[in-house]
Protein backbone atom coordinates (compact mmCIF):
# COMPACT_ATOMS: atom_id res chain seq x y z
CA MET A 1 0.09 -13.72 -14.05
CA THR A 2 -0.33 -9.55 -14.19
CA ARG A 3 2.19 -8.48 -16.42
CA MET A 4 4.35 -5.15 -15.39
CA ARG A 5 4.63 -2.25 -17.59
CA SER A 6 8.03 -0.88 -18.00
CA ILE A 7 7.56 1.83 -15.42
CA GLY A 8 9.55 0.94 -12.53
CA HIS A 9 12.75 3.35 -11.02
CA PHE A 10 15.21 0.39 -10.87
CA GLY A 11 14.61 -1.35 -13.72
CA ALA A 12 11.95 -2.42 -16.54
CA ASP A 13 10.05 -4.66 -14.61
CA GLU A 14 10.37 -3.63 -10.75
CA PHE A 15 8.07 -1.64 -9.36
CA ALA A 16 8.94 0.27 -5.72
CA LEU A 17 6.46 1.29 -2.92
CA MET A 18 6.88 3.46 0.61
CA ILE A 19 4.06 2.52 2.96
CA ASN A 20 4.18 5.30 5.85
CA GLY A 21 1.73 5.61 8.97
CA ILE A 22 1.78 4.87 12.67
CA GLY A 23 1.37 1.74 14.46
CA GLY A 24 -2.01 0.35 14.69
CA GLN A 25 -2.75 1.22 11.44
CA GLY A 26 -1.60 -1.95 9.99
CA VAL A 27 1.00 -0.73 8.05
CA GLN A 28 3.06 -3.70 8.29
CA LEU A 29 0.14 -5.90 7.27
CA ILE A 30 -0.74 -4.41 4.43
CA GLY A 31 2.92 -4.39 3.06
CA LYS A 32 3.20 -8.07 3.99
CA THR A 33 -0.40 -8.74 2.17
CA LEU A 34 0.86 -7.32 -0.79
CA THR A 35 4.70 -8.82 -1.10
CA GLN A 36 2.88 -12.46 -0.25
CA ALA A 37 -0.17 -11.58 -3.05
CA ALA A 38 2.55 -10.67 -5.40
CA THR A 39 4.66 -13.61 -4.93
CA ALA A 40 1.70 -16.17 -4.96
CA GLU A 41 1.32 -15.09 -8.60
CA GLY A 42 4.92 -15.73 -9.47
CA LYS A 43 6.30 -12.52 -8.96
CA HIS A 44 9.42 -11.45 -7.16
CA ALA A 45 8.97 -9.33 -4.38
CA MET A 46 10.97 -7.99 -1.46
CA LEU A 47 9.78 -6.61 2.25
CA ALA A 48 11.79 -4.19 4.49
CA ALA A 49 9.98 -3.11 7.59
CA ASP A 50 11.07 -0.18 9.95
CA TYR A 51 8.93 0.82 12.98
CA GLY A 52 9.23 1.95 16.60
CA GLY A 53 8.86 0.16 19.75
CA GLU A 54 5.83 1.15 20.75
CA MET A 55 2.42 -1.25 19.66
CA ARG A 56 0.57 2.00 18.54
CA GLY A 57 1.37 5.88 17.76
CA GLY A 58 4.89 5.09 16.89
CA PRO A 59 6.45 5.33 13.46
CA SER A 60 5.87 2.38 10.81
CA LYS A 61 7.09 2.23 7.67
CA VAL A 62 7.57 -0.54 4.94
CA SER A 63 9.22 -0.57 1.41
CA VAL A 64 8.17 -3.02 -0.91
CA VAL A 65 9.76 -3.67 -3.98
CA ILE A 66 7.82 -6.20 -6.65
CA GLY A 67 9.27 -7.33 -10.01
CA SER A 68 8.67 -10.17 -12.94
CA ALA A 69 12.13 -11.24 -12.69
CA PRO A 70 14.56 -11.59 -10.01
CA LEU A 71 15.26 -8.11 -8.06
CA ARG A 72 18.22 -6.04 -8.75
CA ALA A 73 17.55 -3.89 -5.72
CA LEU A 74 17.00 -4.58 -2.09
CA PRO A 75 14.18 -2.62 -0.85
CA VAL A 76 16.01 0.09 0.68
CA LEU A 77 14.90 2.70 -1.62
CA PRO A 78 16.94 5.73 -2.85
CA SER A 79 13.51 6.43 -4.77
CA ALA A 80 10.21 5.05 -5.64
CA ASP A 81 7.17 4.70 -7.97
CA ALA A 82 4.52 5.36 -5.54
CA ALA A 83 3.84 5.90 -1.73
CA ILE A 84 0.68 5.21 0.41
CA ILE A 85 0.67 7.79 3.13
CA ALA A 86 -1.82 6.29 6.06
CA ASN A 87 -0.36 9.18 8.67
CA ASP A 88 2.23 11.88 7.73
CA LYS A 89 2.91 12.62 11.77
CA PHE A 90 6.35 11.38 11.51
CA GLY A 91 7.02 11.41 7.71
CA GLY A 92 5.32 14.23 5.66
CA ALA A 93 2.69 14.08 3.42
CA VAL A 94 5.40 13.46 0.70
CA PRO A 95 8.29 11.38 1.33
CA ASP A 96 11.48 12.76 0.24
CA ARG A 97 12.31 9.68 -1.93
CA LEU A 98 9.35 9.74 -4.03
CA ARG A 99 10.30 10.55 -7.52
CA PRO A 100 8.33 13.58 -9.32
CA GLY A 101 5.24 12.25 -11.21
CA ALA A 102 4.46 8.96 -9.04
CA LEU A 103 1.54 8.12 -7.49
CA LEU A 104 0.75 9.45 -3.70
CA LEU A 105 -1.94 7.77 -2.29
CA LEU A 106 -3.27 9.83 0.74
CA ASN A 107 -5.46 8.70 3.85
CA SER A 108 -7.41 12.03 3.77
CA SER A 109 -8.94 11.38 6.78
CA ILE A 110 -5.80 12.76 8.29
CA VAL A 111 -3.19 13.86 5.86
CA ASP A 112 -3.91 16.85 4.27
CA PRO A 113 -3.80 16.50 0.39
CA ALA A 114 -3.08 20.27 0.01
CA ARG A 115 -0.09 19.65 1.36
CA ALA A 116 1.13 17.26 -1.24
CA GLY A 117 1.78 19.81 -4.01
CA THR A 118 1.20 19.00 -7.62
CA ALA A 119 4.83 17.30 -8.51
CA HIS A 120 2.79 13.73 -7.75
CA ARG A 121 -0.25 11.90 -9.09
CA VAL A 122 -2.17 12.68 -5.80
CA VAL A 123 -5.14 10.31 -4.76
CA ALA A 124 -6.98 10.92 -1.65
CA VAL A 125 -9.07 8.18 0.09
CA GLU A 126 -10.62 9.02 3.62
CA ALA A 127 -9.42 5.63 4.63
CA THR A 128 -10.16 6.08 8.22
CA ALA A 129 -13.68 7.18 8.06
CA ILE A 130 -14.73 4.60 5.42
CA ALA A 131 -13.18 1.66 7.77
CA ALA A 132 -15.67 3.25 10.54
CA ALA A 133 -18.38 3.08 8.57
CA LEU A 134 -17.88 -0.46 7.82
CA GLY A 135 -17.73 -0.85 11.57
CA ALA A 136 -13.69 -2.21 11.41
CA SER A 137 -11.79 0.83 12.38
CA GLN A 138 -8.53 -1.42 12.56
CA ALA A 139 -9.05 -2.18 8.48
CA SER A 140 -8.12 1.71 7.18
CA GLY A 141 -4.79 0.17 5.85
CA PHE A 142 -6.51 -2.59 3.81
CA VAL A 143 -9.27 0.37 2.49
CA LEU A 144 -5.69 2.03 1.29
CA LEU A 145 -4.53 -1.50 -0.19
CA GLY A 146 -7.42 -1.97 -1.69
CA ALA A 147 -7.34 1.83 -3.65
CA PHE A 148 -3.48 1.44 -3.98
CA ASN A 149 -4.03 -2.36 -5.80
CA ALA A 150 -7.22 -0.82 -8.42
CA LEU A 151 -5.02 2.30 -9.00
CA THR A 152 -2.10 0.23 -10.23
CA GLY A 153 -3.20 -3.28 -11.00
CA LEU A 154 -0.25 -4.88 -9.40
CA VAL A 155 -2.09 -8.06 -8.31
CA ALA A 156 -5.34 -9.37 -8.59
CA GLU A 157 -7.80 -8.34 -5.54
CA GLN A 158 -8.23 -12.20 -5.04
CA SER A 159 -4.49 -12.53 -4.30
CA LEU A 160 -4.75 -9.81 -1.56
CA VAL A 161 -7.68 -11.40 -0.11
CA ASP A 162 -5.84 -14.82 -0.07
CA ALA A 163 -2.63 -13.76 1.37
CA MET A 164 -4.41 -11.45 3.95
CA ILE A 165 -6.29 -14.42 5.51
CA SER A 166 -3.05 -16.74 5.27
CA LEU A 167 -1.37 -13.95 7.42
CA LEU A 168 -3.88 -13.49 10.20
CA PRO A 169 -2.93 -15.26 13.37
CA PRO A 170 -5.70 -17.33 14.85
CA TYR A 171 -6.22 -14.63 17.46
CA ARG A 172 -7.44 -11.79 14.86
CA ARG A 173 -9.42 -14.48 12.25
CA GLN A 174 -12.44 -12.98 13.11
CA HIS A 175 -11.28 -9.27 11.05
CA ALA A 176 -11.05 -11.65 7.77
CA GLU A 177 -14.55 -10.72 6.30
CA THR A 178 -14.24 -6.83 7.62
CA ASN A 179 -10.49 -6.78 6.01
CA THR A 180 -11.74 -8.18 2.83
CA ARG A 181 -14.96 -5.77 2.74
CA ALA A 182 -11.96 -2.78 3.33
CA LEU A 183 -10.08 -4.08 0.36
CA ARG A 184 -13.31 -4.09 -1.76
CA THR A 185 -14.57 -0.68 -0.45
CA GLY A 186 -11.23 1.14 -1.46
CA ALA A 187 -11.14 -0.37 -4.83
CA GLU A 188 -14.74 0.80 -5.15
CA VAL A 189 -13.96 4.26 -4.17
CA VAL A 190 -10.99 4.88 -6.68
CA ALA A 191 -13.09 2.89 -9.26
CA GLY A 192 -12.43 4.68 -12.89
CA ALA A 193 -9.22 6.43 -11.76
CA ALA A 194 -6.66 3.88 -12.53
CA VAL A 195 -3.38 5.51 -13.19
CA GLY A 196 -1.82 2.39 -14.51
CA ALA A 197 1.29 0.38 -13.02
CA GLY A 198 1.00 -3.43 -13.65
CA ARG A 199 -1.25 -4.17 -16.59
């Protein structure tokens, strides 16, 4: 089991993540994938989802807390250790509750990294363009998740793959292979840039 370093805001062994985007980017699915992967490895994890009624284009947000011991905080976060910004249409390039020095992973196909300032550890990944190049435009969220996990080491890559496959409904199982490629490509894009969070 991956051991977590003492970097979490809520406690020595807790890590808090916010994911912001819009409907249609897979924000809810990647949050569930990370949460399920963590619990499959024996960690404790909680997720809170917030999204509009629109199928596509409305606000979509997820908060995830992962820990190596029973969690002391609900995933309604006063502050967070990291954020993934798939689209800044509704939340801005930097969430208000992201603590100084936190990891800020941006989908730079849409979000301008110059707007992120210098208070955070900014990593830009052209997730939308990468997913399109893979022939899987629906998988930009998994490009970001793969990059995030490679940067932080919160869970094993295979745990993400297994969780993603188990969460796909039967009518979307055809996306499993391209989602897996997106996860792995996201990790490859940030190889060598790990900021450390979980190992």
